[in-house]
């Protein structure tokens, strides 16, 4: 059983470099909509294990990454293919919407 990888300013570059497809859930503890997305993120982490790495990045604790990707709202999902940002989703969306985006890059 896989759970999302905890990402930080100090490890995100290495993780993006080592994994072909990475989905980053940008969230904060105080964010209600972020908490609504959490169960979906955990499900995706399990269902896509071995095909895509799913991680969580607390924006309050990791300002460098938040600023680098100009995050203006959370939750935001960032999709990286071979280390490059290729897509994003802002806000709470159905699981199927996220899966559709992941499928584009697998």
N, C-alpha and C. Protein backbone atom coordinates (compact mmCIF):
# COMPACT_ATOMS: atom_id res chain seq x y z
N UNK A 1 0.85 -1.19 0.00
CA UNK A 1 0.00 0.00 0.00
C UNK A 1 0.89 1.24 0.00
N UNK A 2 0.69 2.08 -0.98
CA UNK A 2 1.52 3.27 -1.14
C UNK A 2 0.77 4.50 -0.66
N UNK A 3 1.49 5.38 0.04
CA UNK A 3 0.88 6.67 0.37
C UNK A 3 1.69 7.77 -0.30
N UNK A 4 1.11 8.96 -0.41
CA UNK A 4 1.81 10.04 -1.08
C UNK A 4 3.15 10.33 -0.41
N UNK A 5 4.13 10.68 -1.22
CA UNK A 5 5.45 11.04 -0.73
C UNK A 5 5.40 12.48 -0.22
N UNK A 6 6.01 12.72 0.94
CA UNK A 6 6.06 14.07 1.49
C UNK A 6 7.18 14.83 0.78
N UNK A 7 6.80 15.86 0.05
CA UNK A 7 7.75 16.65 -0.72
C UNK A 7 8.10 17.93 0.05
N UNK A 8 9.31 18.43 -0.22
CA UNK A 8 9.76 19.66 0.44
C UNK A 8 10.68 20.42 -0.52
N UNK A 9 11.00 21.64 -0.13
CA UNK A 9 11.94 22.43 -0.93
C UNK A 9 13.26 21.68 -1.11
N UNK A 10 13.63 20.90 -0.10
CA UNK A 10 14.94 20.23 -0.15
C UNK A 10 14.96 18.92 -0.95
N UNK A 11 13.80 18.29 -1.17
CA UNK A 11 13.83 17.00 -1.88
C UNK A 11 13.10 16.99 -3.22
N UNK A 12 12.36 18.02 -3.54
CA UNK A 12 11.50 17.96 -4.74
C UNK A 12 12.31 17.85 -6.04
N UNK A 13 13.42 18.56 -6.14
CA UNK A 13 14.20 18.50 -7.39
C UNK A 13 14.72 17.09 -7.65
N UNK A 14 15.22 16.44 -6.62
CA UNK A 14 15.72 15.07 -6.75
C UNK A 14 14.59 14.10 -7.13
N UNK A 15 13.43 14.26 -6.53
CA UNK A 15 12.30 13.39 -6.82
C UNK A 15 11.81 13.59 -8.25
N UNK A 16 11.75 14.84 -8.71
CA UNK A 16 11.33 15.12 -10.08
C UNK A 16 12.32 14.52 -11.08
N UNK A 17 13.60 14.55 -10.73
CA UNK A 17 14.65 14.02 -11.60
C UNK A 17 14.59 12.49 -11.71
N UNK A 18 14.23 11.83 -10.62
CA UNK A 18 14.27 10.36 -10.57
C UNK A 18 12.99 9.68 -11.04
N UNK A 19 11.93 10.42 -11.24
CA UNK A 19 10.63 9.82 -11.59
C UNK A 19 10.11 10.42 -12.89
N UNK A 20 9.61 9.56 -13.75
CA UNK A 20 9.13 9.99 -15.06
C UNK A 20 7.90 10.90 -14.96
N UNK A 21 6.94 10.50 -14.12
CA UNK A 21 5.72 11.28 -13.95
C UNK A 21 5.47 11.51 -12.47
N UNK A 22 5.34 12.78 -12.09
CA UNK A 22 5.11 13.14 -10.69
C UNK A 22 3.89 14.07 -10.62
N UNK A 23 2.97 13.73 -9.71
CA UNK A 23 1.81 14.57 -9.43
C UNK A 23 2.02 15.16 -8.04
N UNK A 24 2.02 16.49 -7.94
CA UNK A 24 2.27 17.17 -6.68
C UNK A 24 0.99 17.86 -6.21
N UNK A 25 0.52 17.44 -5.04
CA UNK A 25 -0.63 18.07 -4.40
C UNK A 25 -0.10 19.19 -3.52
N UNK A 26 -0.34 20.44 -3.92
CA UNK A 26 0.10 21.60 -3.15
C UNK A 26 -1.05 21.99 -2.22
N UNK A 27 -0.78 21.97 -0.91
CA UNK A 27 -1.84 22.12 0.08
C UNK A 27 -1.33 22.89 1.30
N UNK A 28 -2.24 23.15 2.24
CA UNK A 28 -1.89 23.74 3.54
C UNK A 28 -2.84 23.18 4.59
N UNK A 29 -2.37 23.14 5.81
CA UNK A 29 -3.13 22.56 6.92
C UNK A 29 -4.48 23.27 7.13
N UNK A 30 -4.51 24.59 6.95
CA UNK A 30 -5.71 25.39 7.21
C UNK A 30 -6.72 25.36 6.06
N UNK A 31 -6.38 24.73 4.95
CA UNK A 31 -7.19 24.78 3.73
C UNK A 31 -8.25 23.68 3.70
N UNK A 32 -9.50 24.07 3.86
CA UNK A 32 -10.62 23.12 3.84
C UNK A 32 -10.72 22.34 2.54
N UNK A 33 -10.71 23.02 1.38
CA UNK A 33 -10.78 22.29 0.12
C UNK A 33 -9.61 21.30 -0.05
N UNK A 34 -8.44 21.65 0.47
CA UNK A 34 -7.29 20.74 0.39
C UNK A 34 -7.60 19.44 1.13
N UNK A 35 -8.25 19.56 2.27
CA UNK A 35 -8.60 18.37 3.06
C UNK A 35 -9.62 17.51 2.33
N UNK A 36 -10.49 18.14 1.54
CA UNK A 36 -11.46 17.38 0.74
C UNK A 36 -10.75 16.54 -0.32
N UNK A 37 -9.64 17.01 -0.81
CA UNK A 37 -8.89 16.34 -1.87
C UNK A 37 -8.00 15.21 -1.33
N UNK A 38 -7.67 15.25 -0.05
CA UNK A 38 -6.73 14.29 0.55
C UNK A 38 -7.08 12.83 0.29
N UNK A 39 -8.32 12.38 0.49
CA UNK A 39 -8.61 10.96 0.24
C UNK A 39 -8.39 10.56 -1.22
N UNK A 40 -8.67 11.46 -2.14
CA UNK A 40 -8.46 11.17 -3.56
C UNK A 40 -6.97 11.04 -3.84
N UNK A 41 -6.16 11.90 -3.25
CA UNK A 41 -4.71 11.85 -3.44
C UNK A 41 -4.16 10.52 -2.94
N UNK A 42 -4.65 10.07 -1.80
CA UNK A 42 -4.21 8.78 -1.26
C UNK A 42 -4.61 7.62 -2.18
N UNK A 43 -5.81 7.67 -2.71
CA UNK A 43 -6.27 6.62 -3.64
C UNK A 43 -5.41 6.62 -4.90
N UNK A 44 -5.13 7.79 -5.45
CA UNK A 44 -4.31 7.88 -6.66
C UNK A 44 -2.90 7.35 -6.41
N UNK A 45 -2.37 7.64 -5.24
CA UNK A 45 -1.04 7.17 -4.89
C UNK A 45 -0.97 5.64 -4.95
N UNK A 46 -2.00 4.99 -4.44
CA UNK A 46 -2.06 3.52 -4.46
C UNK A 46 -2.31 2.99 -5.88
N UNK A 47 -3.27 3.58 -6.56
CA UNK A 47 -3.68 3.07 -7.87
C UNK A 47 -2.63 3.27 -8.96
N UNK A 48 -1.81 4.30 -8.83
CA UNK A 48 -0.81 4.58 -9.85
C UNK A 48 0.61 4.21 -9.41
N UNK A 49 0.72 3.48 -8.32
CA UNK A 49 2.04 3.06 -7.82
C UNK A 49 2.79 2.33 -8.93
N UNK A 50 4.04 2.73 -9.13
CA UNK A 50 4.85 2.12 -10.17
C UNK A 50 4.72 2.81 -11.53
N UNK A 51 3.69 3.63 -11.70
CA UNK A 51 3.50 4.34 -12.97
C UNK A 51 3.64 5.84 -12.82
N UNK A 52 3.23 6.36 -11.67
CA UNK A 52 3.35 7.79 -11.37
C UNK A 52 3.57 7.95 -9.88
N UNK A 53 4.45 8.88 -9.52
CA UNK A 53 4.66 9.17 -8.11
C UNK A 53 3.71 10.29 -7.72
N UNK A 54 2.99 10.10 -6.63
CA UNK A 54 2.07 11.12 -6.13
C UNK A 54 2.66 11.64 -4.82
N UNK A 55 2.79 12.96 -4.74
CA UNK A 55 3.36 13.57 -3.55
C UNK A 55 2.54 14.73 -3.04
N UNK A 56 2.82 15.12 -1.80
CA UNK A 56 2.15 16.26 -1.17
C UNK A 56 3.20 17.28 -0.77
N UNK A 57 2.91 18.55 -1.05
CA UNK A 57 3.80 19.64 -0.71
C UNK A 57 3.03 20.68 0.10
N UNK A 58 3.42 20.85 1.36
CA UNK A 58 2.80 21.86 2.21
C UNK A 58 3.37 23.22 1.81
N UNK A 59 2.53 24.08 1.25
CA UNK A 59 3.00 25.37 0.71
C UNK A 59 3.48 26.32 1.80
N UNK A 60 2.92 26.21 3.00
CA UNK A 60 3.35 27.09 4.10
C UNK A 60 4.77 26.74 4.56
N UNK A 61 5.12 25.46 4.50
CA UNK A 61 6.43 25.01 4.97
C UNK A 61 7.49 25.03 3.86
N UNK A 62 7.07 25.24 2.61
CA UNK A 62 7.99 25.16 1.47
C UNK A 62 7.80 26.34 0.52
N UNK A 63 8.14 27.54 0.97
CA UNK A 63 7.88 28.74 0.17
C UNK A 63 8.68 28.81 -1.13
N UNK A 64 9.88 28.23 -1.17
CA UNK A 64 10.69 28.31 -2.38
C UNK A 64 9.99 27.64 -3.56
N UNK A 65 9.48 26.44 -3.34
CA UNK A 65 8.79 25.72 -4.41
C UNK A 65 7.49 26.42 -4.77
N UNK A 66 6.78 26.92 -3.78
CA UNK A 66 5.52 27.65 -4.03
C UNK A 66 5.76 28.87 -4.91
N UNK A 67 6.82 29.62 -4.60
CA UNK A 67 7.12 30.82 -5.39
C UNK A 67 7.62 30.45 -6.78
N UNK A 68 8.44 29.42 -6.87
CA UNK A 68 8.99 29.00 -8.16
C UNK A 68 7.89 28.68 -9.17
N UNK A 69 6.82 28.06 -8.69
CA UNK A 69 5.72 27.66 -9.58
C UNK A 69 4.54 28.63 -9.51
N UNK A 70 4.77 29.77 -8.89
CA UNK A 70 3.79 30.87 -8.82
C UNK A 70 2.40 30.39 -8.37
N UNK A 71 2.38 29.65 -7.29
CA UNK A 71 1.10 29.15 -6.79
C UNK A 71 0.30 30.31 -6.20
N UNK A 72 -0.89 30.51 -6.73
CA UNK A 72 -1.73 31.61 -6.29
C UNK A 72 -2.96 31.13 -5.52
N UNK A 73 -3.27 29.83 -5.64
CA UNK A 73 -4.43 29.28 -4.96
C UNK A 73 -4.14 27.82 -4.65
N UNK A 74 -4.75 27.34 -3.58
CA UNK A 74 -4.65 25.93 -3.25
C UNK A 74 -6.05 25.40 -2.98
N UNK A 75 -6.26 24.12 -3.20
CA UNK A 75 -5.29 23.15 -3.67
C UNK A 75 -4.95 23.35 -5.15
N UNK A 76 -3.70 23.07 -5.47
CA UNK A 76 -3.23 23.04 -6.85
C UNK A 76 -2.49 21.73 -7.05
N UNK A 77 -2.80 21.06 -8.14
CA UNK A 77 -2.07 19.85 -8.51
C UNK A 77 -1.14 20.22 -9.66
N UNK A 78 0.14 19.89 -9.49
CA UNK A 78 1.14 20.12 -10.53
C UNK A 78 1.53 18.78 -11.12
N UNK A 79 1.64 18.71 -12.44
CA UNK A 79 1.99 17.48 -13.13
C UNK A 79 3.34 17.68 -13.82
N UNK A 80 4.31 16.86 -13.45
CA UNK A 80 5.66 16.94 -14.01
C UNK A 80 5.96 15.67 -14.81
N UNK A 81 6.43 15.85 -16.02
CA UNK A 81 6.85 14.74 -16.87
C UNK A 81 8.34 14.94 -17.13
N UNK A 82 9.13 13.96 -16.70
CA UNK A 82 10.60 14.02 -16.86
C UNK A 82 11.16 15.33 -16.33
N UNK A 83 10.66 15.75 -15.16
CA UNK A 83 11.17 16.94 -14.49
C UNK A 83 10.60 18.27 -14.94
N UNK A 84 9.82 18.26 -16.02
CA UNK A 84 9.25 19.50 -16.55
C UNK A 84 7.77 19.63 -16.18
N UNK A 85 7.37 20.81 -15.75
CA UNK A 85 5.96 21.06 -15.47
C UNK A 85 5.18 21.02 -16.78
N UNK A 86 4.21 20.10 -16.87
CA UNK A 86 3.46 19.95 -18.12
C UNK A 86 1.97 20.30 -17.98
N UNK A 87 1.48 20.35 -16.75
CA UNK A 87 0.05 20.62 -16.57
C UNK A 87 -0.21 20.99 -15.11
N UNK A 88 -1.40 21.53 -14.86
CA UNK A 88 -1.82 21.81 -13.49
C UNK A 88 -3.34 21.86 -13.42
N UNK A 89 -3.83 21.64 -12.21
CA UNK A 89 -5.27 21.76 -11.94
C UNK A 89 -5.39 22.56 -10.65
N UNK A 90 -6.23 23.59 -10.67
CA UNK A 90 -6.46 24.41 -9.49
C UNK A 90 -7.85 24.12 -8.95
N UNK A 91 -7.93 23.89 -7.64
CA UNK A 91 -9.22 23.66 -7.00
C UNK A 91 -9.54 22.19 -6.84
N UNK A 92 -10.67 21.94 -6.20
CA UNK A 92 -11.13 20.58 -5.98
C UNK A 92 -11.89 20.12 -7.23
N UNK A 93 -11.46 18.99 -7.76
CA UNK A 93 -12.09 18.43 -8.96
C UNK A 93 -12.36 16.95 -8.71
N UNK A 94 -13.24 16.34 -9.49
CA UNK A 94 -13.49 14.91 -9.33
C UNK A 94 -12.25 14.08 -9.63
N UNK A 95 -12.17 12.92 -9.02
CA UNK A 95 -11.05 12.01 -9.23
C UNK A 95 -10.86 11.71 -10.72
N UNK A 96 -11.94 11.54 -11.45
CA UNK A 96 -11.87 11.22 -12.88
C UNK A 96 -11.14 12.31 -13.67
N UNK A 97 -11.30 13.55 -13.27
CA UNK A 97 -10.61 14.66 -13.94
C UNK A 97 -9.10 14.55 -13.75
N UNK A 98 -8.69 14.21 -12.55
CA UNK A 98 -7.27 14.05 -12.25
C UNK A 98 -6.72 12.84 -13.02
N UNK A 99 -7.47 11.75 -13.03
CA UNK A 99 -7.04 10.55 -13.74
C UNK A 99 -6.89 10.81 -15.24
N UNK A 100 -7.77 11.60 -15.79
CA UNK A 100 -7.70 11.95 -17.21
C UNK A 100 -6.39 12.70 -17.50
N UNK A 101 -6.03 13.60 -16.61
CA UNK A 101 -4.79 14.35 -16.79
C UNK A 101 -3.58 13.43 -16.63
N UNK A 102 -3.59 12.57 -15.64
CA UNK A 102 -2.48 11.63 -15.46
C UNK A 102 -2.33 10.76 -16.71
N UNK A 103 -3.43 10.26 -17.23
CA UNK A 103 -3.41 9.37 -18.41
C UNK A 103 -2.77 10.02 -19.62
N UNK A 104 -2.93 11.34 -19.76
CA UNK A 104 -2.33 12.05 -20.89
C UNK A 104 -0.82 11.92 -20.91
N UNK A 105 -0.21 11.74 -19.73
CA UNK A 105 1.24 11.78 -19.62
C UNK A 105 1.88 10.43 -19.30
N UNK A 106 1.07 9.39 -19.15
CA UNK A 106 1.64 8.06 -18.88
C UNK A 106 2.25 7.47 -20.13
